[in-house]
PDB file of N, CA and C in Angstrom:
ATOM      1  N   UNK A   1     100.477  51.119 119.590  1.00  0.00           N
ATOM      2  CA  UNK A   1     101.023  51.808 117.997  1.00  0.00           C
ATOM      3  C   UNK A   1     101.060  52.534 117.838  1.00  0.00           C
ATOM      4  N   UNK A   2     101.935  53.358 118.039  1.00  0.00           N
ATOM      5  CA  UNK A   2     102.393  54.850 117.707  1.00  0.00           C
ATOM      6  C   UNK A   2     102.055  55.678 116.645  1.00  0.00           C
ATOM      7  N   UNK A   3     102.379  56.622 116.513  1.00  0.00           N
ATOM      8  CA  UNK A   3     102.313  56.470 115.135  1.00  0.00           C
ATOM      9  C   UNK A   3     103.724  57.610 114.515  1.00  0.00           C
ATOM     10  N   UNK A   4     104.276  57.223 113.436  1.00  0.00           N
ATOM     11  CA  UNK A   4     105.672  57.756 112.653  1.00  0.00           C
ATOM     12  C   UNK A   4     105.539  59.201 112.916  1.00  0.00           C
ATOM     13  N   UNK A   5     106.604  60.243 113.315  1.00  0.00           N
ATOM     14  CA  UNK A   5     106.897  61.199 113.383  1.00  0.00           C
ATOM     15  C   UNK A   5     106.968  62.048 112.027  1.00  0.00           C
ATOM     16  N   UNK A   6     106.511  63.250 111.734  1.00  0.00           N
ATOM     17  CA  UNK A   6     106.660  63.421 110.456  1.00  0.00           C
ATOM     18  C   UNK A   6     108.076  63.746 109.594  1.00  0.00           C
ATOM     19  N   UNK A   7     108.209  63.679 108.737  1.00  0.00           N
ATOM     20  CA  UNK A   7     109.681  64.041 108.689  1.00  0.00           C
ATOM     21  C   UNK A   7     109.897  65.246 108.154  1.00  0.00           C
ATOM     22  N   UNK A   8     111.372  65.858 108.049  1.00  0.00           N
ATOM     23  CA  UNK A   8     111.121  67.325 108.227  1.00  0.00           C
ATOM     24  C   UNK A   8     110.442  68.045 106.489  1.00  0.00           C
ATOM     25  N   UNK A   9     110.840  67.218 105.458  1.00  0.00           N
ATOM     26  CA  UNK A   9     110.262  67.728 104.385  1.00  0.00           C
ATOM     27  C   UNK A   9     108.621  67.639 104.627  1.00  0.00           C
ATOM     28  N   UNK A  10     108.447  66.600 105.081  1.00  0.00           N
ATOM     29  CA  UNK A  10     106.544  66.965 105.090  1.00  0.00           C
ATOM     30  C   UNK A  10     106.070  67.793 106.764  1.00  0.00           C
ATOM     31  N   UNK A  11     106.915  67.857 107.111  1.00  0.00           N
ATOM     32  CA  UNK A  11     106.474  69.089 108.676  1.00  0.00           C
ATOM     33  C   UNK A  11     106.544  70.310 107.644  1.00  0.00           C
ATOM     34  N   UNK A  12     107.647  70.752 107.380  1.00  0.00           N
ATOM     35  CA  UNK A  12     108.276  71.516 106.368  1.00  0.00           C
ATOM     36  C   UNK A  12     106.798  72.183 105.181  1.00  0.00           C
ATOM     37  N   UNK A  13     106.436  71.175 104.531  1.00  0.00           N
ATOM     38  CA  UNK A  13     105.259  71.158 103.371  1.00  0.00           C
ATOM     39  C   UNK A  13     104.084  71.824 104.351  1.00  0.00           C
ATOM     40  N   UNK A  14     103.908  71.041 105.291  1.00  0.00           N
ATOM     41  CA  UNK A  14     102.882  71.137 106.191  1.00  0.00           C
ATOM     42  C   UNK A  14     102.539  73.118 106.550  1.00  0.00           C
ATOM     43  N   UNK A  15     103.483  73.697 107.479  1.00  0.00           N
ATOM     44  CA  UNK A  15     104.157  74.488 108.004  1.00  0.00           C
ATOM     45  C   UNK A  15     103.915  75.621 106.396  1.00  0.00           C
ATOM     46  N   UNK A  16     104.155  75.329 105.340  1.00  0.00           N
ATOM     47  CA  UNK A  16     104.208  76.370 104.108  1.00  0.00           C
ATOM     48  C   UNK A  16     102.653  76.222 103.984  1.00  0.00           C
ATOM     49  N   UNK A  17     101.937  75.170 103.627  1.00  0.00           N
ATOM     50  CA  UNK A  17     100.430  75.032 103.721  1.00  0.00           C
ATOM     51  C   UNK A  17      99.627  76.124 104.485  1.00  0.00           C
ATOM     52  N   UNK A  18      99.979  75.759 105.868  1.00  0.00           N
ATOM     53  CA  UNK A  18      99.229  76.377 107.224  1.00  0.00           C
ATOM     54  C   UNK A  18      99.344  77.908 106.954  1.00  0.00           C
ATOM     55  N   UNK A  19     101.023  78.428 106.450  1.00  0.00           N
ATOM     56  CA  UNK A  19     101.397  79.633 106.681  1.00  0.00           C
ATOM     57  C   UNK A  19     100.429  80.391 105.199  1.00  0.00           C
ATOM     58  N   UNK A  20     100.508  79.739 103.721  1.00  0.00           N
ATOM     59  CA  UNK A  20      99.473  80.097 102.945  1.00  0.00           C
ATOM     60  C   UNK A  20      97.738  80.605 103.228  1.00  0.00           C
ATOM     61  N   UNK A  21      97.616  79.441 104.586  1.00  0.00           N
ATOM     62  CA  UNK A  21      95.784  79.273 104.707  1.00  0.00           C
ATOM     63  C   UNK A  21      96.029  80.763 105.485  1.00  0.00           C
ATOM     64  N   UNK A  22      96.283  80.781 106.305  1.00  0.00           N
ATOM     65  CA  UNK A  22      96.911  82.116 107.264  1.00  0.00           C
ATOM     66  C   UNK A  22      97.065  83.879 106.424  1.00  0.00           C
ATOM     67  N   UNK A  23      97.501  83.293 104.905  1.00  0.00           N
ATOM     68  CA  UNK A  23      97.905  84.347 104.363  1.00  0.00           C
ATOM     69  C   UNK A  23      96.140  84.627 103.763  1.00  0.00           C
ATOM     70  N   UNK A  24      95.847  83.410 103.190  1.00  0.00           N
ATOM     71  CA  UNK A  24      94.418  83.729 103.047  1.00  0.00           C
ATOM     72  C   UNK A  24      93.604  84.770 103.737  1.00  0.00           C
ATOM     73  N   UNK A  25      93.681  84.197 104.650  1.00  0.00           N
ATOM     74  CA  UNK A  25      92.501  84.720 105.526  1.00  0.00           C
ATOM     75  C   UNK A  25      92.812  85.757 106.439  1.00  0.00           C
ATOM     76  N   UNK A  26      93.824  86.648 105.443  1.00  0.00           N
ATOM     77  CA  UNK A  26      94.342  88.072 106.312  1.00  0.00           C
ATOM     78  C   UNK A  26      94.338  88.736 105.159  1.00  0.00           C
ATOM     79  N   UNK A  27      93.331  89.501 105.609  1.00  0.00           N
ATOM     80  CA  UNK A  27      93.090  90.497 105.314  1.00  0.00           C
ATOM     81  C   UNK A  27      92.733  92.367 105.964  1.00  0.00           C
ATOM     82  N   UNK A  28      93.249  93.657 105.223  1.00  0.00           N
ATOM     83  CA  UNK A  28      93.335  94.884 106.161  1.00  0.00           C
ATOM     84  C   UNK A  28      91.909  94.729 105.917  1.00  0.00           C
ATOM     85  N   UNK A  29      91.551  95.487 106.651  1.00  0.00           N
ATOM     86  CA  UNK A  29      89.756  95.626 107.188  1.00  0.00           C
ATOM     87  C   UNK A  29      89.665  96.653 106.685  1.00  0.00           C
ATOM     88  N   UNK A  30      89.977  97.971 106.278  1.00  0.00           N
ATOM     89  CA  UNK A  30      89.609  98.931 105.387  1.00  0.00           C
ATOM     90  C   UNK A  30      89.498  98.445 103.599  1.00  0.00           C
ATOM     91  N   UNK A  31      89.801  97.745 103.378  1.00  0.00           N
ATOM     92  CA  UNK A  31      89.883  97.546 101.870  1.00  0.00           C
ATOM     93  C   UNK A  31      88.497  97.513 101.409  1.00  0.00           C
ATOM     94  N   UNK A  32      88.256  98.404 100.397  1.00  0.00           N
ATOM     95  CA  UNK A  32      86.954  98.040  99.539  1.00  0.00           C
ATOM     96  C   UNK A  32      86.331  96.635  99.200  1.00  0.00           C
ATOM     97  N   UNK A  33      85.430  95.791  99.465  1.00  0.00           N
ATOM     98  CA  UNK A  33      84.913  94.813  99.162  1.00  0.00           C
ATOM     99  C   UNK A  33      85.443  93.612 100.116  1.00  0.00           C
ATOM    100  N   UNK A  34      85.753  94.212 101.542  1.00  0.00           N
ATOM    101  CA  UNK A  34      86.599  93.102 102.272  1.00  0.00           C
ATOM    102  C   UNK A  34      85.332  91.941 102.779  1.00  0.00           C
ATOM    103  N   UNK A  35      84.656  92.342 102.880  1.00  0.00           N
ATOM    104  CA  UNK A  35      83.835  90.956 102.859  1.00  0.00           C
ATOM    105  C   UNK A  35      83.736  90.097 101.632  1.00  0.00           C
ATOM    106  N   UNK A  36      83.276  90.616 100.737  1.00  0.00           N
ATOM    107  CA  UNK A  36      83.392  89.530  99.114  1.00  0.00           C
ATOM    108  C   UNK A  36      84.705  89.020  99.577  1.00  0.00           C
ATOM    109  N   UNK A  37      85.801  89.740  99.380  1.00  0.00           N
ATOM    110  CA  UNK A  37      87.236  89.215  98.871  1.00  0.00           C
ATOM    111  C   UNK A  37      87.503  88.064 100.291  1.00  0.00           C
ATOM    112  N   UNK A  38      87.476  88.157 101.492  1.00  0.00           N
ATOM    113  CA  UNK A  38      87.867  87.121 102.428  1.00  0.00           C
ATOM    114  C   UNK A  38      86.688  86.060 102.169  1.00  0.00           C
ATOM    115  N   UNK A  39      85.987  86.104 101.718  1.00  0.00           N
ATOM    116  CA  UNK A  39      84.291  84.879 101.577  1.00  0.00           C
ATOM    117  C   UNK A  39      85.136  83.964 100.204  1.00  0.00           C
ATOM    118  N   UNK A  40      85.534  84.580  99.579  1.00  0.00           N
ATOM    119  CA  UNK A  40      86.407  83.988  98.324  1.00  0.00           C
ATOM    120  C   UNK A  40      87.914  83.541  98.558  1.00  0.00           C
ATOM    121  N   UNK A  41      88.264  83.886  99.420  1.00  0.00           N
ATOM    122  CA  UNK A  41      89.820  83.714  99.941  1.00  0.00           C
ATOM    123  C   UNK A  41      89.351  82.083 100.417  1.00  0.00           C
ATOM    124  N   UNK A  42      88.345  82.349 101.663  1.00  0.00           N
ATOM    125  CA  UNK A  42      88.021  81.253 102.717  1.00  0.00           C
ATOM    126  C   UNK A  42      87.690  79.955 102.119  1.00  0.00           C
ATOM    127  N   UNK A  43      87.262  80.722 100.747  1.00  0.00           N
ATOM    128  CA  UNK A  43      86.306  79.168  99.981  1.00  0.00           C
ATOM    129  C   UNK A  43      87.937  78.386  99.285  1.00  0.00           C
ATOM    130  N   UNK A  44      88.695  79.507  99.037  1.00  0.00           N
ATOM    131  CA  UNK A  44      89.860  78.753  98.464  1.00  0.00           C
ATOM    132  C   UNK A  44      91.013  78.155  99.461  1.00  0.00           C
ATOM    133  N   UNK A  45      90.467  78.342 100.839  1.00  0.00           N
ATOM    134  CA  UNK A  45      91.507  78.097 101.591  1.00  0.00           C
ATOM    135  C   UNK A  45      90.756  76.251 102.305  1.00  0.00           C
ATOM    136  N   UNK A  46      89.508  76.983 101.902  1.00  0.00           N
ATOM    137  CA  UNK A  46      88.828  75.579 102.390  1.00  0.00           C
ATOM    138  C   UNK A  46      89.591  74.202 101.286  1.00  0.00           C
ATOM    139  N   UNK A  47      89.222  74.936 100.039  1.00  0.00           N
ATOM    140  CA  UNK A  47      89.448  73.540  99.286  1.00  0.00           C
ATOM    141  C   UNK A  47      90.906  73.119  99.473  1.00  0.00           C
ATOM    142  N   UNK A  48      91.971  73.971  99.509  1.00  0.00           N
ATOM    143  CA  UNK A  48      93.079  73.557  99.546  1.00  0.00           C
ATOM    144  C   UNK A  48      93.190  72.768 101.284  1.00  0.00           C
ATOM    145  N   UNK A  49      92.789  73.136 101.931  1.00  0.00           N
ATOM    146  CA  UNK A  49      92.434  72.138 102.696  1.00  0.00           C
ATOM    147  C   UNK A  49      92.063  70.794 102.850  1.00  0.00           C
ATOM    148  N   UNK A  50      90.945  70.906 102.624  1.00  0.00           N
ATOM    149  CA  UNK A  50      90.135  69.435 101.939  1.00  0.00           C
ATOM    150  C   UNK A  50      91.116  68.795 100.905  1.00  0.00           C
ATOM    151  N   UNK A  51      91.733  69.104  99.951  1.00  0.00           N
ATOM    152  CA  UNK A  51      92.482  68.378  98.874  1.00  0.00           C
ATOM    153  C   UNK A  51      94.038  68.179  99.696  1.00  0.00           C
ATOM    154  N   UNK A  52      94.510  69.140 100.347  1.00  0.00           N
ATOM    155  CA  UNK A  52      95.737  69.401 100.812  1.00  0.00           C
ATOM    156  C   UNK A  52      96.218  68.321 101.780  1.00  0.00           C
ATOM    157  N   UNK A  53      95.437  67.511 102.336  1.00  0.00           N
ATOM    158  CA  UNK A  53      95.917  66.478 103.094  1.00  0.00           C
ATOM    159  C   UNK A  53      97.071  65.184 102.430  1.00  0.00           C
ATOM    160  N   UNK A  54      96.776  65.129 100.919  1.00  0.00           N
ATOM    161  CA  UNK A  54      97.538  64.061  99.918  1.00  0.00           C
ATOM    162  C   UNK A  54      98.954  64.784  99.603  1.00  0.00           C
ATOM    163  N   UNK A  55      98.781  66.319  99.260  1.00  0.00           N
ATOM    164  CA  UNK A  55     100.090  67.069  98.798  1.00  0.00           C
ATOM    165  C   UNK A  55      99.903  68.283  98.797  1.00  0.00           C
ATOM    166  N   UNK A  56     100.509  68.527 100.458  1.00  0.00           N
ATOM    167  CA  UNK A  56     100.177  69.756 100.950  1.00  0.00           C
ATOM    168  C   UNK A  56     101.346  70.405 100.361  1.00  0.00           C
ATOM    169  N   UNK A  57     102.160  70.419  99.652  1.00  0.00           N
ATOM    170  CA  UNK A  57     103.035  71.373  98.541  1.00  0.00           C
ATOM    171  C   UNK A  57     102.459  71.741  97.693  1.00  0.00           C
ATOM    172  N   UNK A  58     102.352  70.976  96.766  1.00  0.00           N
ATOM    173  CA  UNK A  58     101.518  71.453  95.969  1.00  0.00           C
ATOM    174  C   UNK A  58     100.055  72.216  96.200  1.00  0.00           C
ATOM    175  N   UNK A  59      99.969  72.128  96.916  1.00  0.00           N
ATOM    176  CA  UNK A  59      97.715  72.978  97.543  1.00  0.00           C
ATOM    177  C   UNK A  59      97.974  74.046  97.646  1.00  0.00           C
ATOM    178  N   UNK A  60      99.160  74.386  98.591  1.00  0.00           N
ATOM    179  CA  UNK A  60      99.797  75.803  99.123  1.00  0.00           C
ATOM    180  C   UNK A  60     100.245  76.325  97.746  1.00  0.00           C
ATOM    181  N   UNK A  61     101.148  75.915  96.880  1.00  0.00           N
ATOM    182  CA  UNK A  61     101.817  76.658  95.593  1.00  0.00           C
ATOM    183  C   UNK A  61     100.948  77.481  95.078  1.00  0.00           C
ATOM    184  N   UNK A  62      99.437  76.588  95.025  1.00  0.00           N
ATOM    185  CA  UNK A  62      98.709  76.340  94.134  1.00  0.00           C
ATOM    186  C   UNK A  62      97.604  77.558  94.858  1.00  0.00           C
ATOM    187  N   UNK A  63      97.207  77.694  95.799  1.00  0.00           N
ATOM    188  CA  UNK A  63      96.491  78.826  96.569  1.00  0.00           C
ATOM    189  C   UNK A  63      97.228  79.596  96.655  1.00  0.00           C
ATOM    190  N   UNK A  64      98.615  79.650  97.203  1.00  0.00           N
ATOM    191  CA  UNK A  64      99.667  81.035  96.817  1.00  0.00           C
ATOM    192  C   UNK A  64      99.636  81.852  95.735  1.00  0.00           C
ATOM    193  N   UNK A  65      99.395  81.138  94.252  1.00  0.00           N
ATOM    194  CA  UNK A  65      99.220  81.675  93.296  1.00  0.00           C
ATOM    195  C   UNK A  65      98.199  82.673  92.978  1.00  0.00           C
ATOM    196  N   UNK A  66      97.307  81.957  93.443  1.00  0.00           N
ATOM    197  CA  UNK A  66      95.724  81.954  93.191  1.00  0.00           C
ATOM    198  C   UNK A  66      95.392  83.671  94.182  1.00  0.00           C
ATOM    199  N   UNK A  67      95.718  83.640  95.541  1.00  0.00           N
ATOM    200  CA  UNK A  67      96.415  85.036  96.455  1.00  0.00           C
ATOM    201  C   UNK A  67      96.962  85.812  95.565  1.00  0.00           C
ATOM    202  N   UNK A  68      97.615  85.763  94.835  1.00  0.00           N
ATOM    203  CA  UNK A  68      98.383  86.515  94.215  1.00  0.00           C
ATOM    204  C   UNK A  68      97.735  87.339  93.282  1.00  0.00           C
ATOM    205  N   UNK A  69      96.945  86.136  92.268  1.00  0.00           N
ATOM    206  CA  UNK A  69      96.057  87.030  91.281  1.00  0.00           C
ATOM    207  C   UNK A  69      95.242  87.620  91.777  1.00  0.00           C
ATOM    208  N   UNK A  70      94.439  87.295  92.771  1.00  0.00           N
ATOM    209  CA  UNK A  70      93.364  87.764  92.808  1.00  0.00           C
ATOM    210  C   UNK A  70      93.708  89.161  93.893  1.00  0.00           C
ATOM    211  N   UNK A  71      94.980  89.606  94.080  1.00  0.00           N
ATOM    212  CA  UNK A  71      95.725  90.557  94.747  1.00  0.00           C
ATOM    213  C   UNK A  71      95.672  91.682  93.461  1.00  0.00           C
ATOM    214  N   UNK A  72      96.020  91.112  92.701  1.00  0.00           N
ATOM    215  CA  UNK A  72      96.372  91.966  91.258  1.00  0.00           C
ATOM    216  C   UNK A  72      95.390  92.231  90.980  1.00  0.00           C
ATOM    217  N   UNK A  73      94.134  91.423  90.668  1.00  0.00           N
ATOM    218  CA  UNK A  73      93.071  91.635  90.305  1.00  0.00           C
ATOM    219  C   UNK A  73      92.550  93.092  90.852  1.00  0.00           C
ATOM    220  N   UNK A  74      92.565  92.608  92.573  1.00  0.00           N
ATOM    221  CA  UNK A  74      91.854  94.060  93.057  1.00  0.00           C
ATOM    222  C   UNK A  74      92.754  95.153  93.099  1.00  0.00           C
ATOM    223  N   UNK A  75      94.156  95.334  92.606  1.00  0.00           N
ATOM    224  CA  UNK A  75      94.776  96.223  92.722  1.00  0.00           C
ATOM    225  C   UNK A  75      94.199  96.797  91.600  1.00  0.00           C
ATOM    226  N   UNK A  76      94.124  96.090  90.855  1.00  0.00           N
ATOM    227  CA  UNK A  76      93.760  96.930  88.863  1.00  0.00           C
ATOM    228  C   UNK A  76      92.259  97.120  89.114  1.00  0.00           C
ATOM    229  N   UNK A  77      91.420  96.582  89.841  1.00  0.00           N
ATOM    230  CA  UNK A  77      90.113  97.323  89.711  1.00  0.00           C
ATOM    231  C   UNK A  77      90.143  98.689  90.380  1.00  0.00           C
ATOM    232  N   UNK A  78      90.950  98.701  91.730  1.00  0.00           N
ATOM    233  CA  UNK A  78      90.946  99.870  92.452  1.00  0.00           C
ATOM    234  C   UNK A  78      91.726 100.976  91.247  1.00  0.00           C
ATOM    235  N   UNK A  79      92.247 101.026  90.686  1.00  0.00           N
ATOM    236  CA  UNK A  79      93.387 101.762  90.351  1.00  0.00           C
ATOM    237  C   UNK A  79      92.395 102.633  88.638  1.00  0.00           C
ATOM    238  N   UNK A  80      91.540 101.268  88.499  1.00  0.00           N
ATOM    239  CA  UNK A  80      90.044 101.528  87.299  1.00  0.00           C
ATOM    240  C   UNK A  80      89.315 102.672  87.945  1.00  0.00           C
ATOM    241  N   UNK A  81      88.692 101.870  89.118  1.00  0.00           N
ATOM    242  CA  UNK A  81      87.585 102.724  90.186  1.00  0.00           C
ATOM    243  C   UNK A  81      88.310 103.826  90.326  1.00  0.00           C
ATOM    244  N   UNK A  82      89.409 104.234  90.889  1.00  0.00           N
ATOM    245  CA  UNK A  82      89.582 105.601  90.827  1.00  0.00           C
ATOM    246  C   UNK A  82      90.093 106.318  89.787  1.00  0.00           C
ATOM    247  N   UNK A  83      90.553 105.984  88.726  1.00  0.00           N
ATOM    248  CA  UNK A  83      90.456 106.655  87.531  1.00  0.00           C
ATOM    249  C   UNK A  83      89.421 107.337  87.022  1.00  0.00           C
ATOM    250  N   UNK A  84      88.270 106.022  86.890  1.00  0.00           N
ATOM    251  CA  UNK A  84      86.612 106.213  86.708  1.00  0.00           C
ATOM    252  C   UNK A  84      86.611 107.470  87.251  1.00  0.00           C
ATOM    253  N   UNK A  85      86.607 107.223  88.635  1.00  0.00           N
ATOM    254  CA  UNK A  85      85.782 108.408  89.598  1.00  0.00           C
ATOM    255  C   UNK A  85      86.596 109.915  89.362  1.00  0.00           C
ATOM    256  N   UNK A  86      87.769 109.962  89.073  1.00  0.00           N
ATOM    257  CA  UNK A  86      88.410 110.678  88.161  1.00  0.00           C
ATOM    258  C   UNK A  86      88.054 111.716  87.104  1.00  0.00           C
ATOM    259  N   UNK A  87      87.854 110.703  86.004  1.00  0.00           N
ATOM    260  CA  UNK A  87      87.453 111.396  84.409  1.00  0.00           C
ATOM    261  C   UNK A  87      86.110 110.245  84.353  1.00  0.00           C
ATOM    262  N   UNK A  88      84.945 110.839  84.499  1.00  0.00           N
ATOM    263  CA  UNK A  88      83.370 109.696  84.603  1.00  0.00           C
ATOM    264  C   UNK A  88      83.333 109.991  82.816  1.00  0.00           C
ATOM    265  N   UNK A  89      83.730 111.209  82.297  1.00  0.00           N
ATOM    266  CA  UNK A  89      83.393 111.071  80.846  1.00  0.00           C
ATOM    267  C   UNK A  89      84.399 109.935  80.320  1.00  0.00           C
ATOM    268  N   UNK A  90      85.638 110.094  80.482  1.00  0.00           N
ATOM    269  CA  UNK A  90      86.265 108.955  79.374  1.00  0.00           C
ATOM    270  C   UNK A  90      85.961 107.800  80.186  1.00  0.00           C
ATOM    271  N   UNK A  91      85.653 107.554  81.462  1.00  0.00           N
ATOM    272  CA  UNK A  91      85.550 106.278  81.730  1.00  0.00           C
ATOM    273  C   UNK A  91      84.276 105.532  81.340  1.00  0.00           C
ATOM    274  N   UNK A  92      83.007 106.157  80.775  1.00  0.00           N
ATOM    275  CA  UNK A  92      81.753 106.093  79.863  1.00  0.00           C
ATOM    276  C   UNK A  92      82.565 105.885  78.612  1.00  0.00           C
ATOM    277  N   UNK A  93      82.914 106.300  77.979  1.00  0.00           N
ATOM    278  CA  UNK A  93      83.624 106.634  76.957  1.00  0.00           C
ATOM    279  C   UNK A  93      84.327 104.505  76.497  1.00  0.00           C
ATOM    280  N   UNK A  94      84.743 104.361  77.493  1.00  0.00           N
ATOM    281  CA  UNK A  94      85.637 103.353  77.469  1.00  0.00           C
ATOM    282  C   UNK A  94      84.668 101.966  77.570  1.00  0.00           C
ATOM    283  N   UNK A  95      84.196 102.289  78.635  1.00  0.00           N
ATOM    284  CA  UNK A  95      83.176 101.040  79.279  1.00  0.00           C
ATOM    285  C   UNK A  95      82.457 100.646  78.087  1.00  0.00           C
ATOM    286  N   UNK A  96      82.194 102.086  77.102  1.00  0.00           N
ATOM    287  CA  UNK A  96      80.938 101.577  75.848  1.00  0.00           C
ATOM    288  C   UNK A  96      81.928 100.998  75.015  1.00  0.00           C
ATOM    289  N   UNK A  97      82.904 101.395  74.403  1.00  0.00           N
ATOM    290  CA  UNK A  97      84.109 100.551  73.963  1.00  0.00           C
ATOM    291  C   UNK A  97      84.014  99.427  73.963  1.00  0.00           C
ATOM    292  N   UNK A  98      83.906  99.065  75.349  1.00  0.00           N
ATOM    293  CA  UNK A  98      84.049  97.724  75.954  1.00  0.00           C
ATOM    294  C   UNK A  98      82.763  96.874  76.008  1.00  0.00           C
ATOM    295  N   UNK A  99      81.990  97.652  75.915  1.00  0.00           N
ATOM    296  CA  UNK A  99      80.321  96.852  75.496  1.00  0.00           C
ATOM    297  C   UNK A  99      79.965  96.703  77.056  1.00  0.00           C
ATOM    298  N   UNK A 100      80.575  97.575  77.849  1.00  0.00           N
ATOM    299  CA  UNK A 100      79.855  97.276  79.681  1.00  0.00           C
ATOM    300  C   UNK A 100      78.900  98.589  79.426  1.00  0.00           C
ATOM    301  N   UNK A 101      78.003  97.944  80.578  1.00  0.00           N
ATOM    302  CA  UNK A 101      77.147  98.860  81.013  1.00  0.00           C
ATOM    303  C   UNK A 101      77.649  99.792  82.604  1.00  0.00           C
ATOM    304  N   UNK A 102      77.450 101.145  82.282  1.00  0.00           N
ATOM    305  CA  UNK A 102      78.511 101.950  82.853  1.00  0.00           C
ATOM    306  C   UNK A 102      77.305 102.865  83.765  1.00  0.00           C
TER     307      UNK A 102
END
């Protein structure tokens, strides 16, 4: 018995899933905390691959949204770190107001 070929919608969803996983595992080596971010992204990709066998379109969209949130968070941290480095007295005051250890 031969296996039925995937419909074009199924193939499109699978390609979208694979492209999103590839996006998750592709980071610039020069970024700060590369290893930590790649490990986090690999865990997300693993969940999507494991669970994506049932509904690949939904999981690719979920992973894509998680990646965009992770990138926005990393960018915000980089900007904050840069400002903290440029203005350490202000950074200490703000950290104290937020109740953070600096």
